[in-house]
Each structure stands twice: as C-alpha cells, then as structure tokens.
Amino acid sequence: DEELNTVMEELKACYSAAALQSENSGIHVSF
C-alpha cells in the first residue's frame, strides 16, 4: 500500500478511473 500511495500521489494530477485489485503477489492497478 505504501508503494501504491507513492505512485498514485505522483499521478494524482492526471490519472483517471483507477481500479485496484489485490493479488497474492501484490496489488494490481489498472487505469
């Protein structure tokens, strides 16, 4: 979650429709 928050903070100005899905190996992000 910490890595996810860091990345999303950097993209916050322009990302849209982010969809998160937890997996055994981590968190899958699609937008």
Full PDB file with SEQRES, HELIX, SHEET, SSBOND, CRYST1, ORIGX, SCALE, CONECT and MASTER records, all heavy atoms in Angstrom:
SEQRES   1 A   31  ASP GLU GLU LEU ASN THR VAL MET GLU GLU LEU LYS ALA          
SEQRES   2 A   31  CYS TYR SER ALA ALA ALA LEU GLN SER GLU ASN SER GLY          
SEQRES   3 A   31  ILE HIS VAL SER PHE                                          
HELIX    1 AA1 GLU A    2  LEU A   11  1                                  10    
SHEET    1 AA1 2 ALA A  19  GLU A  23  0                                        
SHEET    2 AA1 2 GLY A  26  SER A  30 -1                                        
CRYST1    1.000    1.000    1.000  90.00  90.00  90.00 P 1           1          
ORIGX1      1.000000  0.000000  0.000000        0.00000                         
ORIGX2      0.000000  1.000000  0.000000        0.00000                         
ORIGX3      0.000000  0.000000  1.000000        0.00000                         
SCALE1      1.000000  0.000000  0.000000        0.00000                         
SCALE2      0.000000  1.000000  0.000000        0.00000                         
SCALE3      0.000000  0.000000  1.000000        0.00000                         
ATOM      1  N   ASP A   1       0.833  -1.205   0.000  1.00  0.00           N  
ATOM      2  CA  ASP A   1       0.000   0.000   0.000  1.00  0.00           C  
ATOM      3  C   ASP A   1       0.864   1.251   0.000  1.00  0.00           C  
ATOM      4  O   ASP A   1       0.513   2.265  -0.612  1.00  0.00           O  
ATOM      5  CB  ASP A   1      -0.914   0.010   1.227  1.00  0.00           C  
ATOM      6  CG  ASP A   1      -2.014  -1.033   1.139  1.00  0.00           C  
ATOM      7  OD1 ASP A   1      -2.324  -1.457  -0.004  1.00  0.00           O  
ATOM      8  OD2 ASP A   1      -2.560  -1.419   2.185  1.00  0.00           O  
ATOM      9  N   GLU A   2       1.984   1.177   0.676  1.00  0.00           N  
ATOM     10  CA  GLU A   2       2.865   2.335   0.755  1.00  0.00           C  
ATOM     11  C   GLU A   2       3.402   2.702  -0.627  1.00  0.00           C  
ATOM     12  O   GLU A   2       3.415   3.872  -1.013  1.00  0.00           O  
ATOM     13  CB  GLU A   2       4.024   2.041   1.702  1.00  0.00           C  
ATOM     14  CG  GLU A   2       4.980   3.230   1.872  1.00  0.00           C  
ATOM     15  CD  GLU A   2       6.118   2.911   2.844  1.00  0.00           C  
ATOM     16  OE1 GLU A   2       6.119   1.816   3.435  1.00  0.00           O  
ATOM     17  OE2 GLU A   2       6.990   3.778   2.996  1.00  0.00           O  
ATOM     18  N   GLU A   3       3.822   1.679  -1.384  1.00  0.00           N  
ATOM     19  CA  GLU A   3       4.321   1.935  -2.739  1.00  0.00           C  
ATOM     20  C   GLU A   3       3.207   2.449  -3.636  1.00  0.00           C  
ATOM     21  O   GLU A   3       3.410   3.349  -4.454  1.00  0.00           O  
ATOM     22  CB  GLU A   3       4.911   0.643  -3.324  1.00  0.00           C  
ATOM     23  CG  GLU A   3       5.546   0.847  -4.691  1.00  0.00           C  
ATOM     24  CD  GLU A   3       6.130  -0.438  -5.258  1.00  0.00           C  
ATOM     25  OE1 GLU A   3       5.891  -1.520  -4.681  1.00  0.00           O  
ATOM     26  OE2 GLU A   3       6.815  -0.356  -6.294  1.00  0.00           O  
ATOM     27  N   LEU A   4       1.992   1.875  -3.439  1.00  0.00           N  
ATOM     28  CA  LEU A   4       0.845   2.317  -4.233  1.00  0.00           C  
ATOM     29  C   LEU A   4       0.543   3.783  -3.973  1.00  0.00           C  
ATOM     30  O   LEU A   4       0.330   4.569  -4.898  1.00  0.00           O  
ATOM     31  CB  LEU A   4      -0.376   1.459  -3.892  1.00  0.00           C  
ATOM     32  CG  LEU A   4      -1.702   1.906  -4.523  1.00  0.00           C  
ATOM     33  CD1 LEU A   4      -1.627   1.812  -6.042  1.00  0.00           C  
ATOM     34  CD2 LEU A   4      -2.849   1.063  -3.994  1.00  0.00           C  
ATOM     35  N   ASN A   5       0.541   4.175  -2.713  1.00  0.00           N  
ATOM     36  CA  ASN A   5       0.236   5.566  -2.359  1.00  0.00           C  
ATOM     37  C   ASN A   5       1.257   6.524  -2.955  1.00  0.00           C  
ATOM     38  O   ASN A   5       0.919   7.624  -3.400  1.00  0.00           O  
ATOM     39  CB  ASN A   5       0.186   5.721  -0.840  1.00  0.00           C  
ATOM     40  CG  ASN A   5      -1.013   5.019  -0.229  1.00  0.00           C  
ATOM     41  OD1 ASN A   5      -2.021   4.801  -0.902  1.00  0.00           O  
ATOM     42  ND2 ASN A   5      -0.908   4.638   1.034  1.00  0.00           N  
ATOM     43  N   THR A   6       2.524   6.100  -2.959  1.00  0.00           N  
ATOM     44  CA  THR A   6       3.578   6.950  -3.516  1.00  0.00           C  
ATOM     45  C   THR A   6       3.367   7.186  -5.012  1.00  0.00           C  
ATOM     46  O   THR A   6       3.433   8.313  -5.504  1.00  0.00           O  
ATOM     47  CB  THR A   6       4.959   6.304  -3.293  1.00  0.00           C  
ATOM     48  OG1 THR A   6       5.181   6.145  -1.881  1.00  0.00           O  
ATOM     49  CG2 THR A   6       6.062   7.172  -3.885  1.00  0.00           C  
ATOM     50  N   VAL A   7       3.071   6.078  -5.727  1.00  0.00           N  
ATOM     51  CA  VAL A   7       2.871   6.190  -7.171  1.00  0.00           C  
ATOM     52  C   VAL A   7       1.635   7.022  -7.489  1.00  0.00           C  
ATOM     53  O   VAL A   7       1.650   7.904  -8.359  1.00  0.00           O  
ATOM     54  CB  VAL A   7       2.741   4.788  -7.813  1.00  0.00           C  
ATOM     55  CG1 VAL A   7       2.360   4.904  -9.286  1.00  0.00           C  
ATOM     56  CG2 VAL A   7       4.028   4.008  -7.659  1.00  0.00           C  
ATOM     57  N   MET A   8       0.548   6.763  -6.780  1.00  0.00           N  
ATOM     58  CA  MET A   8      -0.696   7.481  -7.060  1.00  0.00           C  
ATOM     59  C   MET A   8      -0.577   8.960  -6.740  1.00  0.00           C  
ATOM     60  O   MET A   8      -1.201   9.796  -7.403  1.00  0.00           O  
ATOM     61  CB  MET A   8      -1.853   6.854  -6.275  1.00  0.00           C  
ATOM     62  CG  MET A   8      -2.293   5.508  -6.829  1.00  0.00           C  
ATOM     63  SD  MET A   8      -2.753   5.629  -8.574  1.00  0.00           S  
ATOM     64  CE  MET A   8      -3.323   3.978  -8.900  1.00  0.00           C  
ATOM     65  N   GLU A   9       0.196   9.289  -5.751  1.00  0.00           N  
ATOM     66  CA  GLU A   9       0.397  10.695  -5.418  1.00  0.00           C  
ATOM     67  C   GLU A   9       1.090  11.415  -6.567  1.00  0.00           C  
ATOM     68  O   GLU A   9       0.762  12.558  -6.891  1.00  0.00           O  
ATOM     69  CB  GLU A   9       1.238  10.806  -4.146  1.00  0.00           C  
ATOM     70  CG  GLU A   9       1.332  12.220  -3.589  1.00  0.00           C  
ATOM     71  CD  GLU A   9      -0.020  12.751  -3.119  1.00  0.00           C  
ATOM     72  OE1 GLU A   9      -0.883  11.950  -2.696  1.00  0.00           O  
ATOM     73  OE2 GLU A   9      -0.211  13.987  -3.185  1.00  0.00           O  
ATOM     74  N   GLU A  10       2.027  10.725  -7.216  1.00  0.00           N  
ATOM     75  CA  GLU A  10       2.737  11.317  -8.342  1.00  0.00           C  
ATOM     76  C   GLU A  10       1.825  11.475  -9.560  1.00  0.00           C  
ATOM     77  O   GLU A  10       1.982  12.397 -10.373  1.00  0.00           O  
ATOM     78  CB  GLU A  10       3.941  10.439  -8.713  1.00  0.00           C  
ATOM     79  CG  GLU A  10       5.009  10.395  -7.629  1.00  0.00           C  
ATOM     80  CD  GLU A  10       6.142   9.459  -8.000  1.00  0.00           C  
ATOM     81  OE1 GLU A  10       6.270   9.144  -9.206  1.00  0.00           O  
ATOM     82  OE2 GLU A  10       6.896   9.051  -7.103  1.00  0.00           O  
ATOM     83  N   LEU A  11       0.849  10.532  -9.701  1.00  0.00           N  
ATOM     84  CA  LEU A  11      -0.042  10.562 -10.872  1.00  0.00           C  
ATOM     85  C   LEU A  11      -1.341  11.330 -10.618  1.00  0.00           C  
ATOM     86  O   LEU A  11      -2.136  11.496 -11.533  1.00  0.00           O  
ATOM     87  CB  LEU A  11      -0.401   9.123 -11.285  1.00  0.00           C  
ATOM     88  CG  LEU A  11       0.753   8.231 -11.742  1.00  0.00           C  
ATOM     89  CD1 LEU A  11       0.247   6.817 -11.989  1.00  0.00           C  
ATOM     90  CD2 LEU A  11       1.396   8.777 -13.007  1.00  0.00           C  
ATOM     91  N   LYS A  12      -1.527  11.754  -9.403  1.00  0.00           N  
ATOM     92  CA  LYS A  12      -2.815  12.306  -8.986  1.00  0.00           C  
ATOM     93  C   LYS A  12      -3.312  13.428  -9.890  1.00  0.00           C  
ATOM     94  O   LYS A  12      -4.513  13.577 -10.110  1.00  0.00           O  
ATOM     95  CB  LYS A  12      -2.724  12.812  -7.541  1.00  0.00           C  
ATOM     96  CG  LYS A  12      -4.052  13.275  -6.975  1.00  0.00           C  
ATOM     97  CD  LYS A  12      -3.954  13.441  -5.449  1.00  0.00           C  
ATOM     98  CE  LYS A  12      -2.865  14.414  -5.074  1.00  0.00           C  
ATOM     99  NZ  LYS A  12      -2.845  14.641  -3.593  1.00  0.00           N  
ATOM    100  N   ALA A  13      -2.408  14.183 -10.458  1.00  0.00           N  
ATOM    101  CA  ALA A  13      -2.818  15.337 -11.265  1.00  0.00           C  
ATOM    102  C   ALA A  13      -3.475  14.941 -12.579  1.00  0.00           C  
ATOM    103  O   ALA A  13      -4.212  15.725 -13.158  1.00  0.00           O  
ATOM    104  CB  ALA A  13      -1.613  16.222 -11.553  1.00  0.00           C  
ATOM    105  N   CYS A  14      -3.242  13.686 -13.045  1.00  0.00           N  
ATOM    106  CA  CYS A  14      -3.773  13.367 -14.358  1.00  0.00           C  
ATOM    107  C   CYS A  14      -4.367  11.972 -14.497  1.00  0.00           C  
ATOM    108  O   CYS A  14      -4.915  11.653 -15.548  1.00  0.00           O  
ATOM    109  CB  CYS A  14      -2.688  13.531 -15.426  1.00  0.00           C  
ATOM    110  SG  CYS A  14      -1.257  12.480 -15.175  1.00  0.00           S  
ATOM    111  N   TYR A  15      -4.300  11.119 -13.482  1.00  0.00           N  
ATOM    112  CA  TYR A  15      -4.836   9.776 -13.684  1.00  0.00           C  
ATOM    113  C   TYR A  15      -6.347   9.778 -13.532  1.00  0.00           C  
ATOM    114  O   TYR A  15      -6.934  10.634 -12.899  1.00  0.00           O  
ATOM    115  CB  TYR A  15      -4.185   8.759 -12.723  1.00  0.00           C  
ATOM    116  CG  TYR A  15      -4.776   8.696 -11.334  1.00  0.00           C  
ATOM    117  CD1 TYR A  15      -5.857   7.863 -11.056  1.00  0.00           C  
ATOM    118  CD2 TYR A  15      -4.249   9.460 -10.293  1.00  0.00           C  
ATOM    119  CE1 TYR A  15      -6.400   7.792  -9.782  1.00  0.00           C  
ATOM    120  CE2 TYR A  15      -4.790   9.400  -9.021  1.00  0.00           C  
ATOM    121  CZ  TYR A  15      -5.857   8.562  -8.769  1.00  0.00           C  
ATOM    122  OH  TYR A  15      -6.393   8.497  -7.503  1.00  0.00           O  
ATOM    123  N   SER A  16      -6.990   8.774 -14.145  1.00  0.00           N  
ATOM    124  CA  SER A  16      -8.444   8.683 -14.068  1.00  0.00           C  
ATOM    125  C   SER A  16      -8.870   7.232 -14.052  1.00  0.00           C  
ATOM    126  O   SER A  16      -8.179   6.347 -14.565  1.00  0.00           O  
ATOM    127  CB  SER A  16      -9.092   9.380 -15.273  1.00  0.00           C  
ATOM    128  OG  SER A  16      -8.717   8.716 -16.470  1.00  0.00           O  
ATOM    129  N   ALA A  17     -10.031   6.969 -13.478  1.00  0.00           N  
ATOM    130  CA  ALA A  17     -10.654   5.657 -13.483  1.00  0.00           C  
ATOM    131  C   ALA A  17      -9.720   4.559 -13.008  1.00  0.00           C  
ATOM    132  O   ALA A  17      -9.621   3.487 -13.601  1.00  0.00           O  
ATOM    133  CB  ALA A  17     -11.179   5.323 -14.883  1.00  0.00           C  
ATOM    134  N   ALA A  18      -8.995   4.795 -11.932  1.00  0.00           N  
ATOM    135  CA  ALA A  18      -8.104   3.771 -11.402  1.00  0.00           C  
ATOM    136  C   ALA A  18      -8.907   2.656 -10.751  1.00  0.00           C  
ATOM    137  O   ALA A  18      -9.845   2.898 -10.006  1.00  0.00           O  
ATOM    138  CB  ALA A  18      -7.142   4.382 -10.384  1.00  0.00           C  
ATOM    139  N   ALA A  19      -8.546   1.424 -11.050  1.00  0.00           N  
ATOM    140  CA  ALA A  19      -9.216   0.266 -10.460  1.00  0.00           C  
ATOM    141  C   ALA A  19      -8.159  -0.590  -9.783  1.00  0.00           C  
ATOM    142  O   ALA A  19      -7.143  -0.941 -10.384  1.00  0.00           O  
ATOM    143  CB  ALA A  19      -9.937  -0.537 -11.533  1.00  0.00           C  
ATOM    144  N   LEU A  20      -8.367  -0.924  -8.497  1.00  0.00           N  
ATOM    145  CA  LEU A  20      -7.389  -1.684  -7.731  1.00  0.00           C  
ATOM    146  C   LEU A  20      -7.916  -3.084  -7.457  1.00  0.00           C  
ATOM    147  O   LEU A  20      -9.094  -3.285  -7.200  1.00  0.00           O  
ATOM    148  CB  LEU A  20      -7.093  -0.985  -6.396  1.00  0.00           C  
ATOM    149  CG  LEU A  20      -6.761   0.516  -6.471  1.00  0.00           C  
ATOM    150  CD1 LEU A  20      -6.477   1.046  -5.079  1.00  0.00           C  
ATOM    151  CD2 LEU A  20      -5.585   0.749  -7.386  1.00  0.00           C  
ATOM    152  N   GLN A  21      -7.011  -4.053  -7.521  1.00  0.00           N  
ATOM    153  CA  GLN A  21      -7.402  -5.430  -7.255  1.00  0.00           C  
ATOM    154  C   GLN A  21      -6.257  -6.127  -6.541  1.00  0.00           C  
ATOM    155  O   GLN A  21      -5.130  -6.188  -7.039  1.00  0.00           O  
ATOM    156  CB  GLN A  21      -7.728  -6.176  -8.560  1.00  0.00           C  
ATOM    157  CG  GLN A  21      -8.148  -7.623  -8.346  1.00  0.00           C  
ATOM    158  CD  GLN A  21      -8.437  -8.304  -9.657  1.00  0.00           C  
ATOM    159  OE1 GLN A  21      -8.501  -7.675 -10.697  1.00  0.00           O  
ATOM    160  NE2 GLN A  21      -8.606  -9.613  -9.609  1.00  0.00           N  
ATOM    161  N   SER A  22      -6.531  -6.660  -5.338  1.00  0.00           N  
ATOM    162  CA  SER A  22      -5.489  -7.318  -4.556  1.00  0.00           C  
ATOM    163  C   SER A  22      -5.167  -8.691  -5.129  1.00  0.00           C  
ATOM    164  O   SER A  22      -6.056  -9.433  -5.551  1.00  0.00           O  
ATOM    165  CB  SER A  22      -5.942  -7.468  -3.099  1.00  0.00           C  
ATOM    166  OG  SER A  22      -6.130  -6.203  -2.518  1.00  0.00           O  
ATOM    167  N   GLU A  23      -3.871  -9.041  -5.152  1.00  0.00           N  
ATOM    168  CA  GLU A  23      -3.418 -10.348  -5.572  1.00  0.00           C  
ATOM    169  C   GLU A  23      -2.416 -10.865  -4.547  1.00  0.00           C  
ATOM    170  O   GLU A  23      -1.892 -10.107  -3.737  1.00  0.00           O  
ATOM    171  CB  GLU A  23      -2.763 -10.275  -6.961  1.00  0.00           C  
ATOM    172  CG  GLU A  23      -3.724  -9.776  -8.049  1.00  0.00           C  
ATOM    173  CD  GLU A  23      -3.030  -9.672  -9.396  1.00  0.00           C  
ATOM    174  OE1 GLU A  23      -1.787  -9.708  -9.419  1.00  0.00           O  
ATOM    175  OE2 GLU A  23      -3.733  -9.563 -10.412  1.00  0.00           O  
ATOM    176  N   ASN A  24      -2.134 -12.146  -4.619  1.00  0.00           N  
ATOM    177  CA  ASN A  24      -1.203 -12.731  -3.660  1.00  0.00           C  
ATOM    178  C   ASN A  24       0.176 -12.101  -3.746  1.00  0.00           C  
ATOM    179  O   ASN A  24       0.880 -11.958  -2.755  1.00  0.00           O  
ATOM    180  CB  ASN A  24      -1.084 -14.250  -3.901  1.00  0.00           C  
ATOM    181  CG  ASN A  24      -2.388 -14.974  -3.562  1.00  0.00           C  
ATOM    182  OD1 ASN A  24      -3.171 -14.495  -2.750  1.00  0.00           O  
ATOM    183  ND2 ASN A  24      -2.601 -16.136  -4.184  1.00  0.00           N  
ATOM    184  N   SER A  25       0.537 -11.729  -4.986  1.00  0.00           N  
ATOM    185  CA  SER A  25       1.877 -11.177  -5.176  1.00  0.00           C  
ATOM    186  C   SER A  25       1.933  -9.669  -5.004  1.00  0.00           C  
ATOM    187  O   SER A  25       2.973  -9.061  -5.169  1.00  0.00           O  
ATOM    188  CB  SER A  25       2.384 -11.544  -6.574  1.00  0.00           C  
ATOM    189  OG  SER A  25       1.495 -11.040  -7.553  1.00  0.00           O  
ATOM    190  N   GLY A  26       0.781  -9.047  -4.710  1.00  0.00           N  
ATOM    191  CA  GLY A  26       0.772  -7.607  -4.537  1.00  0.00           C  
ATOM    192  C   GLY A  26      -0.559  -7.004  -4.911  1.00  0.00           C  
ATOM    193  O   GLY A  26      -1.592  -7.668  -4.832  1.00  0.00           O  
ATOM    194  N   ILE A  27      -0.551  -5.751  -5.340  1.00  0.00           N  
ATOM    195  CA  ILE A  27      -1.769  -5.033  -5.707  1.00  0.00           C  
ATOM    196  C   ILE A  27      -1.715  -4.711  -7.190  1.00  0.00           C  
ATOM    197  O   ILE A  27      -0.780  -4.068  -7.666  1.00  0.00           O  
ATOM    198  CB  ILE A  27      -1.903  -3.741  -4.889  1.00  0.00           C  
ATOM    199  CG1 ILE A  27      -1.916  -4.059  -3.383  1.00  0.00           C  
ATOM    200  CG2 ILE A  27      -3.179  -2.997  -5.271  1.00  0.00           C  
ATOM    201  CD1 ILE A  27      -1.872  -2.823  -2.513  1.00  0.00           C  
ATOM    202  N   HIS A  28      -2.712  -5.198  -7.921  1.00  0.00           N  
ATOM    203  CA  HIS A  28      -2.789  -4.945  -9.359  1.00  0.00           C  
ATOM    204  C   HIS A  28      -3.531  -3.630  -9.592  1.00  0.00           C  
ATOM    205  O   HIS A  28      -4.625  -3.428  -9.068  1.00  0.00           O  
ATOM    206  CB  HIS A  28      -3.516  -6.088 -10.067  1.00  0.00           C  
ATOM    207  CG  HIS A  28      -3.569  -5.931 -11.547  1.00  0.00           C  
ATOM    208  ND1 HIS A  28      -2.490  -6.195 -12.367  1.00  0.00           N  
ATOM    209  CD2 HIS A  28      -4.571  -5.513 -12.371  1.00  0.00           C  
ATOM    210  CE1 HIS A  28      -2.816  -5.964 -13.621  1.00  0.00           C  
ATOM    211  NE2 HIS A  28      -4.080  -5.545 -13.650  1.00  0.00           N  
ATOM    212  N   VAL A  29      -2.942  -2.754 -10.380  1.00  0.00           N  
ATOM    213  CA  VAL A  29      -3.524  -1.438 -10.655  1.00  0.00           C  
ATOM    214  C   VAL A  29      -3.825  -1.328 -12.148  1.00  0.00           C  
ATOM    215  O   VAL A  29      -2.992  -1.700 -12.982  1.00  0.00           O  
ATOM    216  CB  VAL A  29      -2.564  -0.312 -10.242  1.00  0.00           C  
ATOM    217  CG1 VAL A  29      -3.198   1.055 -10.489  1.00  0.00           C  
ATOM    218  CG2 VAL A  29      -2.161  -0.459  -8.787  1.00  0.00           C  
ATOM    219  N   SER A  30      -5.026  -0.841 -12.470  1.00  0.00           N  
ATOM    220  CA  SER A  30      -5.420  -0.645 -13.865  1.00  0.00           C  
ATOM    221  C   SER A  30      -6.122   0.698 -13.989  1.00  0.00           C  
ATOM    222  O   SER A  30      -6.995   1.021 -13.186  1.00  0.00           O  
ATOM    223  CB  SER A  30      -6.359  -1.781 -14.313  1.00  0.00           C  
ATOM    224  OG  SER A  30      -6.846  -1.532 -15.619  1.00  0.00           O  
ATOM    225  N   PHE A  31      -5.711   1.490 -14.978  1.00  0.00           N  
ATOM    226  CA  PHE A  31      -6.390   2.762 -15.206  1.00  0.00           C  
ATOM    227  C   PHE A  31      -6.236   3.154 -16.669  1.00  0.00           C  
ATOM    228  O   PHE A  31      -5.451   2.568 -17.412  1.00  0.00           O  
ATOM    229  CB  PHE A  31      -5.865   3.867 -14.283  1.00  0.00           C  
ATOM    230  CG  PHE A  31      -4.413   4.188 -14.448  1.00  0.00           C  
ATOM    231  CD1 PHE A  31      -4.009   5.173 -15.323  1.00  0.00           C  
ATOM    232  CD2 PHE A  31      -3.453   3.501 -13.721  1.00  0.00           C  
ATOM    233  CE1 PHE A  31      -2.681   5.479 -15.481  1.00  0.00           C  
ATOM    234  CE2 PHE A  31      -2.117   3.798 -13.882  1.00  0.00           C  
ATOM    235  CZ  PHE A  31      -1.722   4.784 -14.752  1.00  0.00           C  
TER     236      PHE A  31                                                      
MASTER        0    0    0    1    2    0    0    6  235    1    0    3          
END                                                                             
